[in-house]
PDB file of N, CA and C in Angstrom:
ATOM      1  N   MET A   1      -2.970  69.941 -44.310  1.00  0.00           N
ATOM      2  CA  MET A   1      -2.657  69.868 -42.902  1.00  0.00           C
ATOM      3  C   MET A   1      -1.368  70.644 -42.597  1.00  0.00           C
ATOM      4  N   ARG A   2      -0.398  70.534 -43.511  1.00  0.00           N
ATOM      5  CA  ARG A   2       0.874  71.239 -43.333  1.00  0.00           C
ATOM      6  C   ARG A   2       0.645  72.747 -43.251  1.00  0.00           C
ATOM      7  N   ASP A   3      -0.164  73.272 -44.132  1.00  0.00           N
ATOM      8  CA  ASP A   3      -0.451  74.714 -44.132  1.00  0.00           C
ATOM      9  C   ASP A   3      -1.174  75.133 -42.853  1.00  0.00           C
ATOM     10  N   TYR A   4      -2.095  74.305 -42.392  1.00  0.00           N
ATOM     11  CA  TYR A   4      -2.833  74.602 -41.163  1.00  0.00           C
ATOM     12  C   TYR A   4      -1.878  74.679 -39.972  1.00  0.00           C
ATOM     13  N   ILE A   5      -0.973  73.711 -39.855  1.00  0.00           N
ATOM     14  CA  ILE A   5      -0.027  73.689 -38.738  1.00  0.00           C
ATOM     15  C   ILE A   5       0.893  74.902 -38.803  1.00  0.00           C
ATOM     16  N   LEU A   6       1.377  75.224 -39.991  1.00  0.00           N
ATOM     17  CA  LEU A   6       2.258  76.378 -40.158  1.00  0.00           C
ATOM     18  C   LEU A   6       1.536  77.674 -39.785  1.00  0.00           C
ATOM     19  N   LYS A   7       0.299  77.804 -40.208  1.00  0.00           N
ATOM     20  CA  LYS A   7      -0.489  79.002 -39.892  1.00  0.00           C
ATOM     21  C   LYS A   7      -0.735  79.092 -38.388  1.00  0.00           C
ATOM     22  N   TRP A   8      -1.124  77.987 -37.758  1.00  0.00           N
ATOM     23  CA  TRP A   8      -1.384  77.981 -36.318  1.00  0.00           C
ATOM     24  C   TRP A   8      -0.114  78.329 -35.543  1.00  0.00           C
ATOM     25  N   PHE A   9       0.999  77.715 -35.914  1.00  0.00           N
ATOM     26  CA  PHE A   9       2.270  77.964 -35.236  1.00  0.00           C
ATOM     27  C   PHE A   9       2.645  79.441 -35.324  1.00  0.00           C
ATOM     28  N   THR A  10       2.515  79.996 -36.524  1.00  0.00           N
ATOM     29  CA  THR A  10       2.858  81.405 -36.730  1.00  0.00           C
ATOM     30  C   THR A  10       1.968  82.313 -35.899  1.00  0.00           C
ATOM     31  N   GLU A  11       0.656  82.079 -35.917  1.00  0.00           N
ATOM     32  CA  GLU A  11      -0.271  82.912 -35.149  1.00  0.00           C
ATOM     33  C   GLU A  11      -0.032  82.782 -33.645  1.00  0.00           C
ATOM     34  N   PHE A  12       0.131  81.565 -33.166  1.00  0.00           N
ATOM     35  CA  PHE A  12       0.264  81.332 -31.728  1.00  0.00           C
ATOM     36  C   PHE A  12       1.549  81.928 -31.171  1.00  0.00           C
ATOM     37  N   PHE A  13       2.661  81.694 -31.852  1.00  0.00           N
ATOM     38  CA  PHE A  13       3.943  82.115 -31.297  1.00  0.00           C
ATOM     39  C   PHE A  13       4.317  83.548 -31.646  1.00  0.00           C
ATOM     40  N   SER A  14       3.548  84.215 -32.490  1.00  0.00           N
ATOM     41  CA  SER A  14       3.843  85.626 -32.773  1.00  0.00           C
ATOM     42  C   SER A  14       2.961  86.571 -31.956  1.00  0.00           C
ATOM     43  N   LYS A  15       1.934  86.052 -31.298  1.00  0.00           N
ATOM     44  CA  LYS A  15       1.066  86.885 -30.464  1.00  0.00           C
ATOM     45  C   LYS A  15       1.759  87.250 -29.153  1.00  0.00           C
ATOM     46  N   GLN A  16       1.540  88.487 -28.722  1.00  0.00           N
ATOM     47  CA  GLN A  16       2.056  88.947 -27.427  1.00  0.00           C
ATOM     48  C   GLN A  16       1.028  88.639 -26.348  1.00  0.00           C
ATOM     49  N   THR A  17       1.513  88.231 -25.169  1.00  0.00           N
ATOM     50  CA  THR A  17       0.607  87.887 -24.075  1.00  0.00           C
ATOM     51  C   THR A  17       0.558  88.955 -23.004  1.00  0.00           C
ATOM     52  N   GLY A  18       1.586  89.786 -22.943  1.00  0.00           N
ATOM     53  CA  GLY A  18       1.657  90.786 -21.888  1.00  0.00           C
ATOM     54  C   GLY A  18       2.554  90.347 -20.733  1.00  0.00           C
ATOM     55  N   TYR A  19       2.913  89.081 -20.708  1.00  0.00           N
ATOM     56  CA  TYR A  19       3.853  88.568 -19.713  1.00  0.00           C
ATOM     57  C   TYR A  19       5.236  88.537 -20.359  1.00  0.00           C
ATOM     58  N   LYS A  20       6.158  89.326 -19.801  1.00  0.00           N
ATOM     59  CA  LYS A  20       7.463  89.524 -20.430  1.00  0.00           C
ATOM     60  C   LYS A  20       8.220  88.206 -20.652  1.00  0.00           C
ATOM     61  N   LEU A  21       8.338  87.391 -19.611  1.00  0.00           N
ATOM     62  CA  LEU A  21       9.096  86.145 -19.740  1.00  0.00           C
ATOM     63  C   LEU A  21       8.459  85.186 -20.745  1.00  0.00           C
ATOM     64  N   LEU A  22       7.140  85.097 -20.725  1.00  0.00           N
ATOM     65  CA  LEU A  22       6.444  84.230 -21.668  1.00  0.00           C
ATOM     66  C   LEU A  22       6.612  84.739 -23.098  1.00  0.00           C
ATOM     67  N   ASP A  23       6.526  86.049 -23.276  1.00  0.00           N
ATOM     68  CA  ASP A  23       6.702  86.622 -24.612  1.00  0.00           C
ATOM     69  C   ASP A  23       8.117  86.390 -25.137  1.00  0.00           C
ATOM     70  N   ILE A  24       9.103  86.464 -24.258  1.00  0.00           N
ATOM     71  CA  ILE A  24      10.487  86.194 -24.660  1.00  0.00           C
ATOM     72  C   ILE A  24      10.626  84.741 -25.089  1.00  0.00           C
ATOM     73  N   ARG A  25      10.052  83.833 -24.310  1.00  0.00           N
ATOM     74  CA  ARG A  25      10.142  82.401 -24.623  1.00  0.00           C
ATOM     75  C   ARG A  25       9.420  82.088 -25.936  1.00  0.00           C
ATOM     76  N   LYS A  26       8.248  82.704 -26.145  1.00  0.00           N
ATOM     77  CA  LYS A  26       7.513  82.473 -27.398  1.00  0.00           C
ATOM     78  C   LYS A  26       8.289  83.001 -28.598  1.00  0.00           C
ATOM     79  N   ALA A  27       8.958  84.144 -28.425  1.00  0.00           N
ATOM     80  CA  ALA A  27       9.759  84.710 -29.516  1.00  0.00           C
ATOM     81  C   ALA A  27      10.944  83.796 -29.838  1.00  0.00           C
ATOM     82  N   GLN A  28      11.569  83.235 -28.812  1.00  0.00           N
ATOM     83  CA  GLN A  28      12.682  82.310 -29.039  1.00  0.00           C
ATOM     84  C   GLN A  28      12.209  81.054 -29.765  1.00  0.00           C
ATOM     85  N   THR A  29      11.045  80.549 -29.378  1.00  0.00           N
ATOM     86  CA  THR A  29      10.484  79.374 -30.037  1.00  0.00           C
ATOM     87  C   THR A  29      10.142  79.690 -31.492  1.00  0.00           C
ATOM     88  N   PHE A  30       9.596  80.873 -31.728  1.00  0.00           N
ATOM     89  CA  PHE A  30       9.234  81.267 -33.088  1.00  0.00           C
ATOM     90  C   PHE A  30      10.470  81.337 -33.985  1.00  0.00           C
ATOM     91  N   LYS A  31      11.607  81.771 -33.418  1.00  0.00           N
ATOM     92  CA  LYS A  31      12.853  81.832 -34.192  1.00  0.00           C
ATOM     93  C   LYS A  31      13.321  80.430 -34.599  1.00  0.00           C
ATOM     94  N   LYS A  32      12.949  79.421 -33.830  1.00  0.00           N
ATOM     95  CA  LYS A  32      13.362  78.038 -34.105  1.00  0.00           C
ATOM     96  C   LYS A  32      12.341  77.293 -34.966  1.00  0.00           C
ATOM     97  N   MET A  33      11.396  78.011 -35.540  1.00  0.00           N
ATOM     98  CA  MET A  33      10.308  77.393 -36.284  1.00  0.00           C
ATOM     99  C   MET A  33      10.813  76.444 -37.369  1.00  0.00           C
ATOM    100  N   ASP A  34      11.861  76.821 -38.087  1.00  0.00           N
ATOM    101  CA  ASP A  34      12.367  75.966 -39.168  1.00  0.00           C
ATOM    102  C   ASP A  34      12.812  74.610 -38.641  1.00  0.00           C
ATOM    103  N   LYS A  35      13.504  74.608 -37.508  1.00  0.00           N
ATOM    104  CA  LYS A  35      13.970  73.351 -36.929  1.00  0.00           C
ATOM    105  C   LYS A  35      12.812  72.543 -36.350  1.00  0.00           C
ATOM    106  N   LEU A  36      11.917  73.224 -35.657  1.00  0.00           N
ATOM    107  CA  LEU A  36      10.816  72.521 -34.996  1.00  0.00           C
ATOM    108  C   LEU A  36       9.824  71.921 -35.975  1.00  0.00           C
ATOM    109  N   LEU A  37       9.624  72.586 -37.091  1.00  0.00           N
ATOM    110  CA  LEU A  37       8.654  72.113 -38.078  1.00  0.00           C
ATOM    111  C   LEU A  37       9.315  71.495 -39.297  1.00  0.00           C
ATOM    112  N   ALA A  38      10.586  71.143 -39.187  1.00  0.00           N
ATOM    113  CA  ALA A  38      11.335  70.598 -40.327  1.00  0.00           C
ATOM    114  C   ALA A  38      10.684  69.344 -40.903  1.00  0.00           C
ATOM    115  N   LEU A  39      10.054  68.548 -40.055  1.00  0.00           N
ATOM    116  CA  LEU A  39       9.431  67.314 -40.538  1.00  0.00           C
ATOM    117  C   LEU A  39       8.278  67.567 -41.496  1.00  0.00           C
ATOM    118  N   LEU A  40       7.722  68.768 -41.452  1.00  0.00           N
ATOM    119  CA  LEU A  40       6.623  69.085 -42.368  1.00  0.00           C
ATOM    120  C   LEU A  40       7.108  69.196 -43.809  1.00  0.00           C
ATOM    121  N   TRP A  41       8.398  69.495 -43.989  1.00  0.00           N
ATOM    122  CA  TRP A  41       8.925  69.706 -45.329  1.00  0.00           C
ATOM    123  C   TRP A  41       9.769  68.545 -45.827  1.00  0.00           C
ATOM    124  N   THR A  42       9.857  67.478 -45.048  1.00  0.00           N
ATOM    125  CA  THR A  42      10.653  66.322 -45.473  1.00  0.00           C
ATOM    126  C   THR A  42       9.754  65.115 -45.665  1.00  0.00           C
ATOM    127  N   SER A  43      10.281  64.138 -46.341  1.00  0.00           N
ATOM    128  CA  SER A  43       9.516  62.906 -46.547  1.00  0.00           C
ATOM    129  C   SER A  43       9.976  61.803 -45.607  1.00  0.00           C
ATOM    130  N   VAL A  44      10.860  62.132 -44.661  1.00  0.00           N
ATOM    131  CA  VAL A  44      11.363  61.151 -43.709  1.00  0.00           C
ATOM    132  C   VAL A  44      10.259  60.807 -42.719  1.00  0.00           C
ATOM    133  N   ASN A  45      10.083  59.535 -42.479  1.00  0.00           N
ATOM    134  CA  ASN A  45       9.049  59.085 -41.553  1.00  0.00           C
ATOM    135  C   ASN A  45       9.643  58.971 -40.148  1.00  0.00           C
ATOM    136  N   VAL A  46       9.314  59.915 -39.277  1.00  0.00           N
ATOM    137  CA  VAL A  46       9.825  59.930 -37.911  1.00  0.00           C
ATOM    138  C   VAL A  46       8.679  59.599 -36.971  1.00  0.00           C
ATOM    139  N   PRO A  47       8.890  58.637 -36.065  1.00  0.00           N
ATOM    140  CA  PRO A  47       7.810  58.297 -35.133  1.00  0.00           C
ATOM    141  C   PRO A  47       7.517  59.449 -34.176  1.00  0.00           C
ATOM    142  N   LEU A  48       6.280  59.541 -33.750  1.00  0.00           N
ATOM    143  CA  LEU A  48       5.879  60.613 -32.840  1.00  0.00           C
ATOM    144  C   LEU A  48       6.122  60.265 -31.376  1.00  0.00           C
ATOM    145  N   THR A  49       6.572  59.049 -31.106  1.00  0.00           N
ATOM    146  CA  THR A  49       6.869  58.641 -29.736  1.00  0.00           C
ATOM    147  C   THR A  49       8.317  58.178 -29.653  1.00  0.00           C
ATOM    148  N   ASN A  50       8.787  58.010 -28.440  1.00  0.00           N
ATOM    149  CA  ASN A  50      10.149  57.517 -28.260  1.00  0.00           C
ATOM    150  C   ASN A  50      10.143  56.074 -27.760  1.00  0.00           C
ATOM    151  N   ASN A  51       9.077  55.347 -28.024  1.00  0.00           N
ATOM    152  CA  ASN A  51       8.971  53.970 -27.551  1.00  0.00           C
ATOM    153  C   ASN A  51      10.113  53.094 -28.055  1.00  0.00           C
ATOM    154  N   GLU A  52      10.526  53.286 -29.288  1.00  0.00           N
ATOM    155  CA  GLU A  52      11.604  52.466 -29.832  1.00  0.00           C
ATOM    156  C   GLU A  52      12.905  52.725 -29.079  1.00  0.00           C
ATOM    157  N   SER A  53      13.169  53.981 -28.755  1.00  0.00           N
ATOM    158  CA  SER A  53      14.367  54.311 -27.979  1.00  0.00           C
ATOM    159  C   SER A  53      14.294  53.703 -26.583  1.00  0.00           C
ATOM    160  N   GLU A  54      13.121  53.744 -25.995  1.00  0.00           N
ATOM    161  CA  GLU A  54      12.943  53.148 -24.664  1.00  0.00           C
ATOM    162  C   GLU A  54      13.190  51.648 -24.716  1.00  0.00           C
ATOM    163  N   ARG A  55      12.712  51.000 -25.770  1.00  0.00           N
ATOM    164  CA  ARG A  55      12.935  49.551 -25.905  1.00  0.00           C
ATOM    165  C   ARG A  55      14.408  49.236 -26.114  1.00  0.00           C
ATOM    166  N   ASP A  56      15.123  50.131 -26.788  1.00  0.00           N
ATOM    167  CA  ASP A  56      16.549  49.910 -27.045  1.00  0.00           C
ATOM    168  C   ASP A  56      17.351  49.846 -25.758  1.00  0.00           C
ATOM    169  N   ILE A  57      17.002  50.658 -24.771  1.00  0.00           N
ATOM    170  CA  ILE A  57      17.783  50.675 -23.533  1.00  0.00           C
ATOM    171  C   ILE A  57      17.209  49.750 -22.466  1.00  0.00           C
ATOM    172  N   ARG A  58      16.109  49.103 -22.757  1.00  0.00           N
ATOM    173  CA  ARG A  58      15.469  48.237 -21.767  1.00  0.00           C
ATOM    174  C   ARG A  58      16.373  47.077 -21.344  1.00  0.00           C
ATOM    175  N   GLY A  59      17.012  46.434 -22.316  1.00  0.00           N
ATOM    176  CA  GLY A  59      17.900  45.314 -22.003  1.00  0.00           C
ATOM    177  C   GLY A  59      19.048  45.740 -21.111  1.00  0.00           C
ATOM    178  N   ARG A  60      19.569  46.910 -21.372  1.00  0.00           N
ATOM    179  CA  ARG A  60      20.667  47.428 -20.550  1.00  0.00           C
ATOM    180  C   ARG A  60      20.207  47.688 -19.126  1.00  0.00           C
ATOM    181  N   ALA A  61      19.033  48.270 -18.970  1.00  0.00           N
ATOM    182  CA  ALA A  61      18.521  48.570 -17.628  1.00  0.00           C
ATOM    183  C   ALA A  61      18.259  47.290 -16.846  1.00  0.00           C
ATOM    184  N   ILE A  62      17.713  46.286 -17.510  1.00  0.00           N
ATOM    185  CA  ILE A  62      17.446  45.011 -16.828  1.00  0.00           C
ATOM    186  C   ILE A  62      18.756  44.358 -16.407  1.00  0.00           C
ATOM    187  N   LYS A  63      19.744  44.357 -17.291  1.00  0.00           N
ATOM    188  CA  LYS A  63      21.045  43.773 -16.966  1.00  0.00           C
ATOM    189  C   LYS A  63      21.680  44.503 -15.780  1.00  0.00           C
ATOM    190  N   ARG A  64      21.570  45.822 -15.752  1.00  0.00           N
ATOM    191  CA  ARG A  64      22.137  46.607 -14.664  1.00  0.00           C
ATOM    192  C   ARG A  64      21.473  46.252 -13.339  1.00  0.00           C
ATOM    193  N   LYS A  65      20.160  46.063 -13.350  1.00  0.00           N
ATOM    194  CA  LYS A  65      19.447  45.697 -12.123  1.00  0.00           C
ATOM    195  C   LYS A  65      19.855  44.316 -11.636  1.00  0.00           C
ATOM    196  N   ILE A  66      19.977  43.376 -12.554  1.00  0.00           N
ATOM    197  CA  ILE A  66      20.346  42.008 -12.180  1.00  0.00           C
ATOM    198  C   ILE A  66      21.764  41.963 -11.636  1.00  0.00           C
ATOM    199  N   SER A  67      22.678  42.663 -12.288  1.00  0.00           N
ATOM    200  CA  SER A  67      24.087  42.611 -11.917  1.00  0.00           C
ATOM    201  C   SER A  67      24.439  43.554 -10.776  1.00  0.00           C
ATOM    202  N   LEU A  68      23.497  44.375 -10.359  1.00  0.00           N
ATOM    203  CA  LEU A  68      23.769  45.407  -9.356  1.00  0.00           C
ATOM    204  C   LEU A  68      24.919  46.299  -9.811  1.00  0.00           C
ATOM    205  N   PHE A  69      24.785  46.824 -11.005  1.00  0.00           N
ATOM    206  CA  PHE A  69      25.734  47.732 -11.642  1.00  0.00           C
ATOM    207  C   PHE A  69      26.972  46.984 -12.127  1.00  0.00           C
ATOM    208  N   TYR A  70      27.986  47.709 -12.514  1.00  0.00           N
ATOM    209  CA  TYR A  70      29.188  47.103 -13.087  1.00  0.00           C
ATOM    210  C   TYR A  70      30.352  47.260 -12.127  1.00  0.00           C
ATOM    211  N   SER A  71      31.332  46.378 -12.251  1.00  0.00           N
ATOM    212  CA  SER A  71      32.499  46.426 -11.375  1.00  0.00           C
ATOM    213  C   SER A  71      33.540  47.422 -11.865  1.00  0.00           C
ATOM    214  N   THR A  72      33.705  47.520 -13.179  1.00  0.00           N
ATOM    215  CA  THR A  72      34.745  48.389 -13.739  1.00  0.00           C
ATOM    216  C   THR A  72      34.191  49.203 -14.897  1.00  0.00           C
ATOM    217  N   TRP A  73      34.941  50.240 -15.268  1.00  0.00           N
ATOM    218  CA  TRP A  73      34.551  51.052 -16.425  1.00  0.00           C
ATOM    219  C   TRP A  73      34.708  50.259 -17.715  1.00  0.00           C
ATOM    220  N   GLU A  74      35.643  49.322 -17.733  1.00  0.00           N
ATOM    221  CA  GLU A  74      35.811  48.482 -18.919  1.00  0.00           C
ATOM    222  C   GLU A  74      34.553  47.639 -19.143  1.00  0.00           C
ATOM    223  N   GLY A  75      33.978  47.167 -18.033  1.00  0.00           N
ATOM    224  CA  GLY A  75      32.734  46.404 -18.125  1.00  0.00           C
ATOM    225  C   GLY A  75      31.592  47.245 -18.676  1.00  0.00           C
ATOM    226  N   VAL A  76      31.536  48.491 -18.255  1.00  0.00           N
ATOM    227  CA  VAL A  76      30.502  49.408 -18.753  1.00  0.00           C
ATOM    228  C   VAL A  76      30.671  49.610 -20.253  1.00  0.00           C
ATOM    229  N   ARG A  77      31.899  49.878 -20.680  1.00  0.00           N
ATOM    230  CA  ARG A  77      32.152  50.114 -22.102  1.00  0.00           C
ATOM    231  C   ARG A  77      31.871  48.865 -22.943  1.00  0.00           C
ATOM    232  N   ALA A  78      32.286  47.697 -22.415  1.00  0.00           N
ATOM    233  CA  ALA A  78      32.054  46.453 -23.156  1.00  0.00           C
ATOM    234  C   ALA A  78      30.569  46.184 -23.300  1.00  0.00           C
ATOM    235  N   ARG A  79      29.807  46.338 -22.223  1.00  0.00           N
ATOM    236  CA  ARG A  79      28.363  46.105 -22.266  1.00  0.00           C
ATOM    237  C   ARG A  79      27.694  47.080 -23.223  1.00  0.00           C
ATOM    238  N   ASP A  80      28.085  48.356 -23.167  1.00  0.00           N
ATOM    239  CA  ASP A  80      27.515  49.354 -24.066  1.00  0.00           C
ATOM    240  C   ASP A  80      27.810  49.020 -25.524  1.00  0.00           C
ATOM    241  N   LEU A  81      29.028  48.579 -25.785  1.00  0.00           N
ATOM    242  CA  LEU A  81      29.410  48.217 -27.148  1.00  0.00           C
ATOM    243  C   LEU A  81      28.562  47.067 -27.665  1.00  0.00           C
ATOM    244  N   TYR A  82      28.421  46.015 -26.873  1.00  0.00           N
ATOM    245  CA  TYR A  82      27.663  44.847 -27.317  1.00  0.00           C
ATOM    246  C   TYR A  82      26.180  45.165 -27.472  1.00  0.00           C
ATOM    247  N   ILE A  83      25.631  45.944 -26.564  1.00  0.00           N
ATOM    248  CA  ILE A  83      24.214  46.302 -26.690  1.00  0.00           C
ATOM    249  C   ILE A  83      23.998  47.157 -27.930  1.00  0.00           C
ATOM    250  N   SER A  84      24.897  48.101 -28.169  1.00  0.00           N
ATOM    251  CA  SER A  84      24.784  48.953 -29.344  1.00  0.00           C
ATOM    252  C   SER A  84      24.880  48.137 -30.633  1.00  0.00           C
ATOM    253  N   LEU A  85      25.852  47.230 -30.682  1.00  0.00           N
ATOM    254  CA  LEU A  85      25.989  46.370 -31.859  1.00  0.00           C
ATOM    255  C   LEU A  85      24.752  45.504 -32.062  1.00  0.00           C
ATOM    256  N   LYS A  86      24.258  44.936 -30.971  1.00  0.00           N
ATOM    257  CA  LYS A  86      23.079  44.065 -31.056  1.00  0.00           C
ATOM    258  C   LYS A  86      21.871  44.827 -31.599  1.00  0.00           C
ATOM    259  N   GLN A  87      21.633  46.031 -31.077  1.00  0.00           N
ATOM    260  CA  GLN A  87      20.486  46.819 -31.520  1.00  0.00           C
ATOM    261  C   GLN A  87      20.655  47.267 -32.973  1.00  0.00           C
ATOM    262  N   THR A  88      21.874  47.634 -33.356  1.00  0.00           N
ATOM    263  CA  THR A  88      22.122  48.054 -34.735  1.00  0.00           C
ATOM    264  C   THR A  88      21.897  46.889 -35.694  1.00  0.00           C
ATOM    265  N   CYS A  89      22.398  45.715 -35.314  1.00  0.00           N
ATOM    266  CA  CYS A  89      22.183  44.526 -36.154  1.00  0.00           C
ATOM    267  C   CYS A  89      20.690  44.220 -36.273  1.00  0.00           C
ATOM    268  N   ARG A  90      19.989  44.254 -35.150  1.00  0.00           N
ATOM    269  CA  ARG A  90      18.551  43.934 -35.145  1.00  0.00           C
ATOM    270  C   ARG A  90      17.780  44.889 -36.046  1.00  0.00           C
ATOM    271  N   LYS A  91      18.077  46.173 -35.949  1.00  0.00           N
ATOM    272  CA  LYS A  91      17.345  47.164 -36.734  1.00  0.00           C
ATOM    273  C   LYS A  91      17.633  47.071 -38.234  1.00  0.00           C
ATOM    274  N   ASN A  92      18.766  46.466 -38.581  1.00  0.00           N
ATOM    275  CA  ASN A  92      19.133  46.373 -39.993  1.00  0.00           C
ATOM    276  C   ASN A  92      19.014  44.964 -40.543  1.00  0.00           C
ATOM    277  N   GLY A  93      18.354  44.082 -39.804  1.00  0.00           N
ATOM    278  CA  GLY A  93      18.077  42.737 -40.290  1.00  0.00           C
ATOM    279  C   GLY A  93      19.299  41.833 -40.389  1.00  0.00           C
ATOM    280  N   VAL A  94      20.295  42.071 -39.537  1.00  0.00           N
ATOM    281  CA  VAL A  94      21.512  41.262 -39.530  1.00  0.00           C
ATOM    282  C   VAL A  94      21.506  40.428 -38.252  1.00  0.00           C
ATOM    283  N   SER A  95      21.823  39.158 -38.375  1.00  0.00           N
ATOM    284  CA  SER A  95      21.916  38.295 -37.200  1.00  0.00           C
ATOM    285  C   SER A  95      23.127  38.711 -36.374  1.00  0.00           C
ATOM    286  N   PHE A  96      22.889  39.075 -35.119  1.00  0.00           N
ATOM    287  CA  PHE A  96      23.971  39.508 -34.237  1.00  0.00           C
ATOM    288  C   PHE A  96      24.984  38.380 -34.035  1.00  0.00           C
ATOM    289  N   TYR A  97      24.487  37.182 -33.830  1.00  0.00           N
ATOM    290  CA  TYR A  97      25.375  36.026 -33.636  1.00  0.00           C
ATOM    291  C   TYR A  97      26.245  35.799 -34.875  1.00  0.00           C
ATOM    292  N   LYS A  98      25.604  35.824 -36.047  1.00  0.00           N
ATOM    293  CA  LYS A  98      26.363  35.612 -37.284  1.00  0.00           C
ATOM    294  C   LYS A  98      27.360  36.748 -37.523  1.00  0.00           C
ATOM    295  N   PHE A  99      26.967  37.960 -37.145  1.00  0.00           N
ATOM    296  CA  PHE A  99      27.869  39.099 -37.288  1.00  0.00           C
ATOM    297  C   PHE A  99      29.107  38.917 -36.410  1.00  0.00           C
ATOM    298  N   LEU A 100      28.903  38.551 -35.136  1.00  0.00           N
ATOM    299  CA  LEU A 100      30.037  38.332 -34.235  1.00  0.00           C
ATOM    300  C   LEU A 100      30.916  37.180 -34.723  1.00  0.00           C
ATOM    301  N   LEU A 101      30.274  36.108 -35.158  1.00  0.00           N
ATOM    302  CA  LEU A 101      31.010  34.954 -35.661  1.00  0.00           C
ATOM    303  C   LEU A 101      31.829  35.343 -36.903  1.00  0.00           C
ATOM    304  N   ASP A 102      31.227  36.118 -37.788  1.00  0.00           N
ATOM    305  CA  ASP A 102      31.902  36.585 -39.000  1.00  0.00           C
ATOM    306  C   ASP A 102      33.141  37.411 -38.649  1.00  0.00           C
ATOM    307  N   ARG A 103      33.021  38.284 -37.677  1.00  0.00           N
ATOM    308  CA  ARG A 103      34.156  39.126 -37.280  1.00  0.00           C
ATOM    309  C   ARG A 103      35.214  38.316 -36.533  1.00  0.00           C
ATOM    310  N   GLU A 104      34.793  37.383 -35.691  1.00  0.00           N
ATOM    311  CA  GLU A 104      35.756  36.572 -34.936  1.00  0.00           C
ATOM    312  C   GLU A 104      36.550  35.646 -35.860  1.00  0.00           C
ATOM    313  N   LEU A 105      35.869  35.040 -36.827  1.00  0.00           N
ATOM    314  CA  LEU A 105      36.545  34.142 -37.770  1.00  0.00           C
ATOM    315  C   LEU A 105      37.212  34.899 -38.912  1.00  0.00           C
ATOM    316  N   ARG A 106      36.951  36.189 -38.984  1.00  0.00           N
ATOM    317  CA  ARG A 106      37.532  37.082 -39.998  1.00  0.00           C
ATOM    318  C   ARG A 106      37.231  36.630 -41.424  1.00  0.00           C
ATOM    319  N   THR A 107      35.989  36.163 -41.633  1.00  0.00           N
ATOM    320  CA  THR A 107      35.579  35.791 -42.982  1.00  0.00           C
ATOM    321  C   THR A 107      35.063  37.006 -43.753  1.00  0.00           C
ATOM    322  N   HIS A 108      34.533  37.981 -43.044  1.00  0.00           N
ATOM    323  CA  HIS A 108      34.022  39.239 -43.616  1.00  0.00           C
ATOM    324  C   HIS A 108      33.014  39.013 -44.737  1.00  0.00           C
ATOM    325  N   LYS A 109      32.152  38.023 -44.550  1.00  0.00           N
ATOM    326  CA  LYS A 109      31.060  37.802 -45.508  1.00  0.00           C
ATOM    327  C   LYS A 109      29.957  38.839 -45.308  1.00  0.00           C
ATOM    328  N   ILE A 110      29.811  39.293 -44.069  1.00  0.00           N
ATOM    329  CA  ILE A 110      28.823  40.326 -43.758  1.00  0.00           C
ATOM    330  C   ILE A 110      29.518  41.681 -43.882  1.00  0.00           C
ATOM    331  N   PRO A 111      28.948  42.597 -44.670  1.00  0.00           N
ATOM    332  CA  PRO A 111      29.586  43.906 -44.831  1.00  0.00           C
ATOM    333  C   PRO A 111      29.600  44.692 -43.520  1.00  0.00           C
ATOM    334  N   GLN A 112      30.394  45.754 -43.480  1.00  0.00           N
ATOM    335  CA  GLN A 112      30.449  46.601 -42.304  1.00  0.00           C
ATOM    336  C   GLN A 112      29.071  47.200 -42.046  1.00  0.00           C
ATOM    337  N   LEU A 113      28.751  47.379 -40.764  1.00  0.00           N
ATOM    338  CA  LEU A 113      27.445  47.926 -40.403  1.00  0.00           C
ATOM    339  C   LEU A 113      27.255  49.326 -40.964  1.00  0.00           C
ATOM    340  N   ALA A 114      28.314  50.113 -41.031  1.00  0.00           N
ATOM    341  CA  ALA A 114      28.211  51.464 -41.593  1.00  0.00           C
ATOM    342  C   ALA A 114      27.733  51.415 -43.039  1.00  0.00           C
ATOM    343  N   ASN A 115      28.223  50.446 -43.808  1.00  0.00           N
ATOM    344  CA  ASN A 115      27.799  50.323 -45.213  1.00  0.00           C
ATOM    345  C   ASN A 115      26.352  49.851 -45.308  1.00  0.00           C
ATOM    346  N   ILE A 116      25.959  48.945 -44.425  1.00  0.00           N
ATOM    347  CA  ILE A 116      24.567  48.473 -44.411  1.00  0.00           C
ATOM    348  C   ILE A 116      23.627  49.626 -44.104  1.00  0.00           C
ATOM    349  N   ILE A 117      24.002  50.456 -43.143  1.00  0.00           N
ATOM    350  CA  ILE A 117      23.165  51.600 -42.763  1.00  0.00           C
ATOM    351  C   ILE A 117      23.088  52.604 -43.899  1.00  0.00           C
ATOM    352  N   LYS A 118      24.221  52.882 -44.559  1.00  0.00           N
ATOM    353  CA  LYS A 118      24.231  53.824 -45.681  1.00  0.00           C
ATOM    354  C   LYS A 118      23.303  53.372 -46.798  1.00  0.00           C
ATOM    355  N   GLU A 119      23.292  52.067 -47.071  1.00  0.00           N
ATOM    356  CA  GLU A 119      22.438  51.535 -48.124  1.00  0.00           C
ATOM    357  C   GLU A 119      20.961  51.614 -47.750  1.00  0.00           C
ATOM    358  N   ALA A 120      20.680  51.519 -46.443  1.00  0.00           N
ATOM    359  CA  ALA A 120      19.282  51.536 -45.985  1.00  0.00           C
ATOM    360  C   ALA A 120      18.680  52.936 -45.984  1.00  0.00           C
ATOM    361  N   VAL A 121      19.521  53.964 -45.867  1.00  0.00           N
ATOM    362  CA  VAL A 121      19.033  55.338 -45.801  1.00  0.00           C
ATOM    363  C   VAL A 121      18.688  55.804 -47.205  1.00  0.00           C
ATOM    364  N   PRO A 122      17.461  56.314 -47.406  1.00  0.00           N
ATOM    365  CA  PRO A 122      17.090  56.808 -48.740  1.00  0.00           C
ATOM    366  C   PRO A 122      17.909  58.044 -49.099  1.00  0.00           C
ATOM    367  N   GLN A 123      18.412  58.064 -50.305  1.00  0.00           N
ATOM    368  CA  GLN A 123      19.206  59.204 -50.792  1.00  0.00           C
ATOM    369  C   GLN A 123      18.268  60.287 -51.290  1.00  0.00           C
ATOM    370  N   SER A 124      18.568  61.530 -50.887  1.00  0.00           N
ATOM    371  CA  SER A 124      17.708  62.638 -51.330  1.00  0.00           C
ATOM    372  C   SER A 124      18.370  63.472 -52.390  1.00  0.00           C
TER     373      SER A 124
END
């Protein structure tokens, strides 16, 4: 399948159409082939949709609608921080409540999120 996609991409984007602007755009896309088709050469599993990203911001959008936006920029930053922490904890199997409690009580039984993420990423 990888070879088929590479062959199709090469044939499609290297053909001239006779329309100058379209040919320029196709040539620019063809130059980016390595970046666009990078997933064909990696073993990283990337979803084909952005549904997970949409779900990540859903809570923020609902809160914004309920609150009729924020009063201050500090409120915006605080909400963004907590939502980001919550989503990061959820994706890495860490209880958000326990994480906050651990940091507030300064017991540090739960490792830093950066270290948890590093351990979860497969090393190549």
